[in-house]
N, C-alpha and C. Protein backbone atom coordinates (compact mmCIF):
# COMPACT_ATOMS: atom_id res chain seq x y z
N MET A 1 -23.64 -1.78 31.51
CA MET A 1 -22.47 -1.14 31.11
C MET A 1 -21.37 -2.18 31.07
N LEU A 2 -20.49 -2.13 29.99
CA LEU A 2 -19.37 -3.07 29.83
C LEU A 2 -18.23 -2.52 30.90
N ALA A 3 -17.37 -3.40 31.30
CA ALA A 3 -16.30 -3.05 32.22
C ALA A 3 -15.28 -2.38 31.36
N PRO A 4 -14.40 -1.59 31.88
CA PRO A 4 -13.37 -0.90 31.06
C PRO A 4 -12.53 -1.77 30.16
N THR A 5 -12.10 -3.00 30.71
CA THR A 5 -11.26 -3.90 29.84
C THR A 5 -12.16 -4.44 28.85
N ARG A 6 -13.45 -4.66 28.88
CA ARG A 6 -14.25 -5.27 27.84
C ARG A 6 -14.47 -4.08 26.75
N TRP A 7 -14.51 -3.02 27.21
CA TRP A 7 -14.51 -1.82 26.09
C TRP A 7 -13.29 -1.89 25.34
N VAL A 8 -12.12 -2.03 25.72
CA VAL A 8 -10.85 -2.09 25.04
C VAL A 8 -10.96 -3.21 24.06
N PHE A 9 -11.46 -4.51 24.37
CA PHE A 9 -11.49 -5.57 23.42
C PHE A 9 -12.68 -5.33 22.39
N TYR A 10 -13.72 -4.61 22.81
CA TYR A 10 -14.75 -4.27 21.90
C TYR A 10 -14.29 -3.44 20.78
N PHE A 11 -13.42 -2.29 21.13
CA PHE A 11 -13.00 -1.38 20.15
C PHE A 11 -11.83 -1.99 19.32
N MET A 12 -11.06 -2.95 19.98
CA MET A 12 -9.99 -3.61 19.14
C MET A 12 -10.70 -4.55 18.04
N PHE A 13 -11.82 -5.23 18.47
CA PHE A 13 -12.51 -6.06 17.56
C PHE A 13 -13.18 -5.31 16.55
N ALA A 14 -13.92 -4.21 16.90
CA ALA A 14 -14.56 -3.31 15.94
C ALA A 14 -13.60 -2.57 14.88
N GLY A 15 -12.32 -2.34 15.25
CA GLY A 15 -11.40 -1.86 14.42
C GLY A 15 -10.94 -2.80 13.43
N ALA A 16 -10.81 -4.10 13.92
CA ALA A 16 -10.23 -5.25 13.07
C ALA A 16 -11.34 -5.54 12.07
N SER A 17 -12.58 -5.38 12.46
CA SER A 17 -13.56 -5.73 11.51
C SER A 17 -14.01 -4.75 10.35
N THR A 18 -13.47 -3.59 10.49
CA THR A 18 -13.67 -2.62 9.48
C THR A 18 -12.90 -2.61 8.21
N GLY A 19 -11.95 -3.55 8.27
CA GLY A 19 -11.14 -3.69 7.01
C GLY A 19 -9.88 -2.87 7.22
N LEU A 20 -9.61 -2.24 8.28
CA LEU A 20 -8.43 -1.43 8.43
C LEU A 20 -7.20 -2.37 8.53
N GLN A 21 -7.45 -3.52 8.96
CA GLN A 21 -6.41 -4.49 9.18
C GLN A 21 -6.30 -5.58 8.01
N ALA A 22 -7.02 -5.30 6.94
CA ALA A 22 -7.08 -6.33 5.78
C ALA A 22 -6.02 -6.28 4.89
N GLN A 23 -4.79 -5.95 5.42
CA GLN A 23 -3.66 -5.96 4.38
C GLN A 23 -3.08 -7.39 4.39
N PRO A 24 -2.49 -7.92 3.23
CA PRO A 24 -1.87 -9.19 3.23
C PRO A 24 -0.72 -9.13 4.21
N ALA A 25 -0.29 -10.42 4.65
CA ALA A 25 0.69 -10.75 5.67
C ALA A 25 1.99 -10.01 5.17
N ILE A 26 2.46 -9.92 3.91
CA ILE A 26 3.60 -9.28 3.40
C ILE A 26 3.61 -7.68 3.70
N PHE A 27 2.55 -7.13 3.94
CA PHE A 27 2.47 -5.77 4.30
C PHE A 27 2.14 -5.42 5.81
N HIS A 28 2.08 -6.49 6.55
CA HIS A 28 1.80 -6.26 8.03
C HIS A 28 2.92 -5.53 8.63
N GLY A 29 2.69 -4.40 9.35
CA GLY A 29 3.65 -3.64 10.02
C GLY A 29 4.27 -2.46 9.02
N ALA A 30 3.71 -2.47 7.87
CA ALA A 30 4.14 -1.46 6.95
C ALA A 30 3.61 -0.14 7.51
N ASP A 31 4.41 1.09 7.38
CA ASP A 31 4.19 2.26 7.72
C ASP A 31 3.36 3.08 6.53
N LEU A 32 2.15 3.11 6.68
CA LEU A 32 1.29 3.73 5.69
C LEU A 32 1.61 5.25 5.43
N ARG A 33 1.85 6.01 6.54
CA ARG A 33 2.29 7.31 6.37
C ARG A 33 3.53 7.58 5.63
N LEU A 34 4.51 6.71 6.02
CA LEU A 34 5.71 6.80 5.26
C LEU A 34 5.54 6.56 3.89
N GLY A 35 4.81 5.50 3.57
CA GLY A 35 4.48 5.13 2.15
C GLY A 35 3.88 6.22 1.41
N GLN A 36 3.03 6.97 2.03
CA GLN A 36 2.21 8.00 1.35
C GLN A 36 3.31 9.27 1.12
N LYS A 37 4.01 9.41 2.18
CA LYS A 37 5.06 10.46 2.12
C LYS A 37 6.03 10.19 0.96
N LEU A 38 6.41 8.99 0.83
CA LEU A 38 7.50 8.60 -0.17
C LEU A 38 6.81 8.75 -1.74
N ILE A 39 5.59 8.40 -1.72
CA ILE A 39 4.74 8.41 -2.94
C ILE A 39 4.77 9.92 -3.44
N ASP A 40 4.47 10.93 -2.45
CA ASP A 40 4.38 12.30 -2.63
C ASP A 40 5.78 12.90 -2.92
N GLU A 41 6.65 12.54 -2.24
CA GLU A 41 8.11 13.06 -2.37
C GLU A 41 8.70 12.60 -3.81
N ASN A 42 8.42 11.33 -4.10
CA ASN A 42 9.01 10.90 -5.45
C ASN A 42 8.18 11.04 -6.68
N LYS A 43 7.15 11.94 -6.43
CA LYS A 43 6.18 12.17 -7.44
C LYS A 43 5.61 11.02 -8.38
N CYS A 44 5.36 9.96 -7.62
CA CYS A 44 4.88 8.72 -8.35
C CYS A 44 3.64 9.06 -9.09
N VAL A 45 2.77 9.60 -8.62
CA VAL A 45 1.49 9.86 -9.29
C VAL A 45 1.75 10.60 -10.58
N GLU A 46 2.53 11.68 -10.45
CA GLU A 46 2.84 12.54 -11.67
C GLU A 46 3.50 11.71 -12.76
N CYS A 47 4.43 10.87 -12.35
CA CYS A 47 5.29 10.08 -13.28
C CYS A 47 4.32 9.12 -13.93
N HIS A 48 3.41 8.42 -13.14
CA HIS A 48 2.46 7.49 -13.80
C HIS A 48 1.53 8.14 -14.70
N ALA A 49 1.04 9.37 -14.29
CA ALA A 49 0.01 10.04 -15.04
C ALA A 49 0.71 10.35 -16.48
N SER A 50 1.95 10.52 -16.40
CA SER A 50 2.59 10.89 -17.79
C SER A 50 2.56 9.72 -18.65
N LYS A 51 2.37 8.49 -18.14
CA LYS A 51 2.48 7.35 -19.06
C LYS A 51 1.22 6.65 -19.48
N VAL A 52 0.10 7.10 -18.85
CA VAL A 52 -1.16 6.63 -19.23
C VAL A 52 -2.21 7.72 -19.33
N PRO A 53 -3.25 7.53 -20.18
CA PRO A 53 -4.15 8.59 -20.18
C PRO A 53 -5.01 8.86 -18.77
N GLY A 54 -5.50 10.03 -18.75
CA GLY A 54 -6.30 10.40 -17.57
C GLY A 54 -5.51 10.74 -16.45
N ASP A 55 -5.92 10.33 -15.13
CA ASP A 55 -5.13 10.74 -13.97
C ASP A 55 -4.09 9.77 -13.64
N GLY A 56 -3.72 8.86 -14.38
CA GLY A 56 -2.57 7.93 -14.09
C GLY A 56 -2.86 6.68 -13.32
N SER A 57 -4.19 6.68 -12.77
CA SER A 57 -4.61 5.49 -11.95
C SER A 57 -4.61 4.13 -12.67
N ALA A 58 -4.91 4.27 -14.03
CA ALA A 58 -5.04 3.05 -14.84
C ALA A 58 -3.64 2.24 -14.80
N ILE A 59 -2.42 2.88 -14.54
CA ILE A 59 -1.27 2.12 -14.48
C ILE A 59 -1.20 1.16 -13.23
N TYR A 60 -2.11 1.38 -12.35
CA TYR A 60 -2.07 0.59 -11.09
C TYR A 60 -2.83 -0.79 -11.21
N LYS A 61 -3.45 -0.87 -12.46
CA LYS A 61 -4.26 -2.11 -12.56
C LYS A 61 -3.86 -2.68 -14.01
N PRO A 62 -2.65 -2.96 -14.31
CA PRO A 62 -2.46 -3.50 -15.69
C PRO A 62 -3.09 -4.92 -15.74
N LYS A 63 -3.75 -5.22 -16.71
CA LYS A 63 -4.55 -6.54 -16.70
C LYS A 63 -3.56 -7.68 -16.88
N GLY A 64 -3.66 -8.65 -15.93
CA GLY A 64 -2.87 -9.65 -15.83
C GLY A 64 -1.41 -9.61 -15.40
N ARG A 65 -0.89 -8.43 -15.18
CA ARG A 65 0.34 -8.25 -14.72
C ARG A 65 0.68 -8.29 -13.25
N ILE A 66 -0.12 -7.76 -12.43
CA ILE A 66 -0.05 -7.85 -10.93
C ILE A 66 -1.30 -8.43 -10.43
N ASN A 67 -1.16 -9.76 -9.94
CA ASN A 67 -2.21 -10.62 -9.33
C ASN A 67 -2.06 -10.88 -7.91
N THR A 68 -0.83 -10.62 -7.39
CA THR A 68 -0.82 -10.84 -5.92
C THR A 68 -0.04 -9.76 -5.33
N ALA A 69 -0.12 -9.80 -3.89
CA ALA A 69 0.63 -8.83 -3.16
C ALA A 69 2.13 -8.81 -3.49
N GLY A 70 2.67 -10.07 -3.63
CA GLY A 70 4.07 -10.23 -3.77
C GLY A 70 4.46 -9.64 -5.13
N MET A 71 3.59 -9.72 -6.21
CA MET A 71 3.88 -9.12 -7.51
C MET A 71 3.76 -7.65 -7.38
N LEU A 72 2.94 -7.02 -6.59
CA LEU A 72 2.79 -5.66 -6.39
C LEU A 72 4.16 -5.17 -5.75
N ARG A 73 4.61 -5.81 -4.74
CA ARG A 73 5.76 -5.31 -4.07
C ARG A 73 6.98 -5.40 -5.08
N GLY A 74 6.93 -6.53 -5.88
CA GLY A 74 8.04 -6.61 -7.03
C GLY A 74 7.92 -5.39 -7.88
N MET A 75 6.85 -5.04 -8.22
CA MET A 75 6.84 -3.88 -9.20
C MET A 75 7.21 -2.52 -8.51
N VAL A 76 6.97 -2.42 -7.30
CA VAL A 76 7.48 -1.20 -6.42
C VAL A 76 8.97 -1.20 -6.51
N GLU A 77 9.56 -2.47 -6.20
CA GLU A 77 10.94 -2.69 -6.24
C GLU A 77 11.60 -2.47 -7.44
N GLN A 78 10.97 -2.82 -8.51
CA GLN A 78 11.46 -2.55 -9.93
C GLN A 78 11.50 -1.05 -10.15
N CYS A 79 10.49 -0.35 -9.81
CA CYS A 79 10.62 1.13 -9.96
C CYS A 79 11.70 1.80 -9.07
N ASN A 80 11.90 1.27 -7.88
CA ASN A 80 12.96 1.77 -6.99
C ASN A 80 14.19 1.50 -7.66
N THR A 81 14.43 0.30 -8.17
CA THR A 81 15.81 -0.02 -8.81
C THR A 81 15.94 0.76 -10.12
N GLU A 82 15.06 0.69 -10.95
CA GLU A 82 15.15 1.43 -12.35
C GLU A 82 15.40 2.92 -12.26
N LEU A 83 14.74 3.44 -11.24
CA LEU A 83 14.75 5.00 -11.07
C LEU A 83 15.76 5.43 -10.13
N ASN A 84 16.55 4.45 -9.52
CA ASN A 84 17.48 4.66 -8.63
C ASN A 84 17.19 5.49 -7.37
N MET A 85 16.00 5.15 -6.75
CA MET A 85 15.39 5.88 -5.79
C MET A 85 16.04 5.62 -4.39
N GLY A 86 16.75 4.61 -4.28
CA GLY A 86 17.34 4.31 -2.95
C GLY A 86 16.48 3.97 -1.85
N MET A 87 15.30 3.41 -1.98
CA MET A 87 14.47 3.09 -0.97
C MET A 87 14.87 1.75 -0.19
N PHE A 88 14.83 1.75 1.00
CA PHE A 88 15.10 0.57 1.81
C PHE A 88 14.02 -0.39 1.64
N PRO A 89 14.22 -1.61 1.92
CA PRO A 89 13.13 -2.61 1.96
C PRO A 89 11.83 -2.31 2.73
N GLU A 90 12.00 -1.72 3.90
CA GLU A 90 10.80 -1.38 4.55
C GLU A 90 9.99 -0.15 4.05
N GLU A 91 10.78 0.80 3.24
CA GLU A 91 10.09 1.79 2.58
C GLU A 91 9.41 1.19 1.25
N VAL A 92 10.03 0.34 0.56
CA VAL A 92 9.33 -0.55 -0.54
C VAL A 92 7.99 -1.09 -0.04
N ASP A 93 8.04 -1.63 1.20
CA ASP A 93 6.91 -2.24 1.73
C ASP A 93 6.00 -1.25 2.02
N ALA A 94 6.30 -0.18 2.51
CA ALA A 94 5.36 1.05 3.06
C ALA A 94 4.69 1.46 1.71
N VAL A 95 5.27 1.75 0.68
CA VAL A 95 4.78 2.29 -0.65
C VAL A 95 3.83 1.21 -1.17
N SER A 96 4.19 0.01 -1.10
CA SER A 96 3.43 -1.13 -1.60
C SER A 96 2.05 -1.19 -0.91
N ALA A 97 2.24 -1.07 0.42
CA ALA A 97 1.01 -1.29 1.27
C ALA A 97 -0.04 -0.10 0.92
N VAL A 98 0.51 1.15 0.69
CA VAL A 98 -0.25 2.17 0.42
C VAL A 98 -1.13 1.92 -0.87
N LEU A 99 -0.37 1.55 -1.95
CA LEU A 99 -0.90 1.10 -3.31
C LEU A 99 -1.95 0.09 -3.04
N ASN A 100 -1.69 -0.87 -2.20
CA ASN A 100 -2.60 -2.04 -2.13
C ASN A 100 -3.81 -1.48 -1.26
N LYS A 101 -3.75 -0.59 -0.40
CA LYS A 101 -4.87 -0.02 0.40
C LYS A 101 -5.81 0.79 -0.71
N ASP A 102 -5.12 1.55 -1.53
CA ASP A 102 -5.80 2.53 -2.37
C ASP A 102 -6.39 1.96 -3.60
N TYR A 103 -5.51 0.98 -4.24
CA TYR A 103 -5.89 0.41 -5.54
C TYR A 103 -6.12 -0.96 -5.68
N TYR A 104 -5.31 -1.92 -5.15
CA TYR A 104 -5.21 -3.27 -5.44
C TYR A 104 -6.19 -4.14 -4.57
N LYS A 105 -6.24 -3.76 -3.30
CA LYS A 105 -7.07 -4.39 -2.38
C LYS A 105 -6.84 -6.02 -2.09
N PHE A 106 -5.67 -6.35 -2.26
CA PHE A 106 -5.29 -7.75 -2.13
C PHE A 106 -5.56 -8.13 -0.61
N LYS A 107 -5.98 -9.25 -0.25
CA LYS A 107 -6.23 -9.53 1.30
C LYS A 107 -5.16 -10.50 1.70
């Protein structure tokens, strides 16, 4: 049986290897719960669904437009500015991190 301290390291390594930590450096420390809350409160899905056919998810993968995590963050900032949402930089990071986790998968 492993000593208690070894169990801690085992679970830390196991969690890191599952992809849960696989966010780009630009999103490290982003609050995913806050990001999801902001997406829900600001009705981002409903707005995007009104702009493209289907469920709106196609808007998250425009061919050739968003190729890096930085470009993704820039697009979220553009929505924030154009729609006068008033999000702080850490909130833009949080929303961007959720979109990356759910759709883009940048590493």
